[in-house]
Amino acid sequence: MSISSIILLVEKRNIVGIRVRQARKAAKPSITQSDLIARLQLLDMSIDQSGLSKIENGQRPVTDIEVFALAKALKVTEEWLLKGTGNPSG
């Protein structure tokens, strides 16, 4: 793997958080962090407000199971959360 490839991976290491925020704000009506946390709790996923804020700001990594729960709670696809490709509607 080249140095430029590694740098690109590091720069894009937590793009899920950016898309979580985009999906929350694009929802009609928009979804607050508290709303999203409540939806995640219904899916047996426990992320508190601090954790969600850190995810959205790229300060906390997201596990694979969290990606699936976030996608379901936000009604978007996992592919869109991870890659930004495909139809965002889940």
Protein backbone atom coordinates (compact mmCIF):
# COMPACT_ATOMS: atom_id res chain seq x y z
CA MET A 1 0.00 0.00 0.00
CA SER A 2 1.41 3.37 -0.98
CA ILE A 3 1.86 6.27 1.41
CA SER A 4 -0.80 8.29 -0.44
CA SER A 5 -3.28 5.41 -0.06
CA ILE A 6 -2.61 5.24 3.67
CA ILE A 7 -3.04 9.00 4.03
CA LEU A 8 -6.33 8.82 2.13
CA LEU A 9 -7.57 6.04 4.41
CA VAL A 10 -6.63 8.00 7.53
CA GLU A 11 -8.37 11.13 6.23
CA LYS A 12 -11.54 9.14 5.53
CA ARG A 13 -11.42 6.90 8.58
CA ASN A 14 -14.64 8.10 10.16
CA ILE A 15 -16.93 9.22 7.37
CA VAL A 16 -19.88 7.40 8.93
CA GLY A 17 -20.31 10.15 11.52
CA ILE A 18 -20.60 12.84 8.86
CA ARG A 19 -23.29 10.82 7.09
CA VAL A 20 -25.15 10.14 10.34
CA ARG A 21 -25.46 13.89 10.88
CA GLN A 22 -26.46 14.43 7.22
CA ALA A 23 -29.17 11.77 7.46
CA ARG A 24 -30.51 13.15 10.74
CA LYS A 25 -30.81 16.66 9.38
CA ALA A 26 -32.17 15.57 5.97
CA ALA A 27 -34.99 13.51 7.50
CA LYS A 28 -38.46 15.04 7.28
CA PRO A 29 -39.03 16.08 10.00
CA SER A 30 -35.40 16.25 11.07
CA ILE A 31 -34.25 13.83 13.76
CA THR A 32 -32.62 15.23 16.89
CA GLN A 33 -29.77 13.43 18.60
CA SER A 34 -32.21 12.55 21.41
CA ASP A 35 -34.65 11.10 18.87
CA LEU A 36 -31.91 9.01 17.30
CA ILE A 37 -30.73 7.76 20.69
CA ALA A 38 -34.31 6.70 21.50
CA ARG A 39 -34.60 4.88 18.16
CA LEU A 40 -31.31 3.10 18.81
CA GLN A 41 -32.51 2.03 22.26
CA LEU A 42 -35.54 0.38 20.62
CA LEU A 43 -33.03 -1.63 18.59
CA ASP A 44 -31.15 -2.63 21.78
CA MET A 45 -28.25 -0.33 20.89
CA SER A 46 -26.99 1.89 23.68
CA ILE A 47 -25.20 5.05 22.56
CA ASP A 48 -25.45 8.07 24.83
CA GLN A 49 -25.54 11.72 23.72
CA SER A 50 -21.82 12.18 24.28
CA GLY A 51 -21.03 9.08 22.23
CA LEU A 52 -23.32 10.13 19.39
CA SER A 53 -21.82 13.61 19.36
CA LYS A 54 -18.32 12.11 19.18
CA ILE A 55 -19.40 9.82 16.33
CA GLU A 56 -20.83 12.75 14.38
CA ASN A 57 -17.67 14.80 14.96
CA GLY A 58 -15.36 11.98 13.89
CA GLN A 59 -13.88 11.57 17.37
CA ARG A 60 -15.20 8.05 18.01
CA PRO A 61 -15.05 5.01 15.75
CA VAL A 62 -18.23 3.14 14.86
CA THR A 63 -18.48 -0.64 15.19
CA ASP A 64 -20.04 -2.76 12.49
CA ILE A 65 -23.10 -3.51 14.60
CA GLU A 66 -23.54 0.21 15.30
CA VAL A 67 -23.46 0.91 11.55
CA PHE A 68 -26.33 -1.53 11.03
CA ALA A 69 -28.35 -0.06 13.92
CA LEU A 70 -27.69 3.54 12.83
CA ALA A 71 -28.73 2.72 9.27
CA LYS A 72 -31.95 1.11 10.46
CA ALA A 73 -32.75 3.93 12.90
CA LEU A 74 -32.08 6.58 10.24
CA LYS A 75 -33.82 4.59 7.46
CA VAL A 76 -30.77 4.69 5.20
CA THR A 77 -28.67 1.88 3.76
CA GLU A 78 -25.49 0.61 5.36
CA GLU A 79 -23.76 1.08 2.00
CA TRP A 80 -24.62 4.77 1.99
CA LEU A 81 -23.38 5.23 5.57
CA LEU A 82 -20.11 3.44 4.82
CA LYS A 83 -19.36 4.51 1.25
CA GLY A 84 -21.70 7.33 0.36
CA THR A 85 -22.84 5.32 -2.65
CA GLY A 86 -26.12 3.77 -3.56
CA ASN A 87 -29.55 5.05 -2.67
CA PRO A 88 -29.50 6.51 0.84
CA SER A 89 -33.11 5.42 1.46
CA GLY A 90 -33.21 2.19 3.43
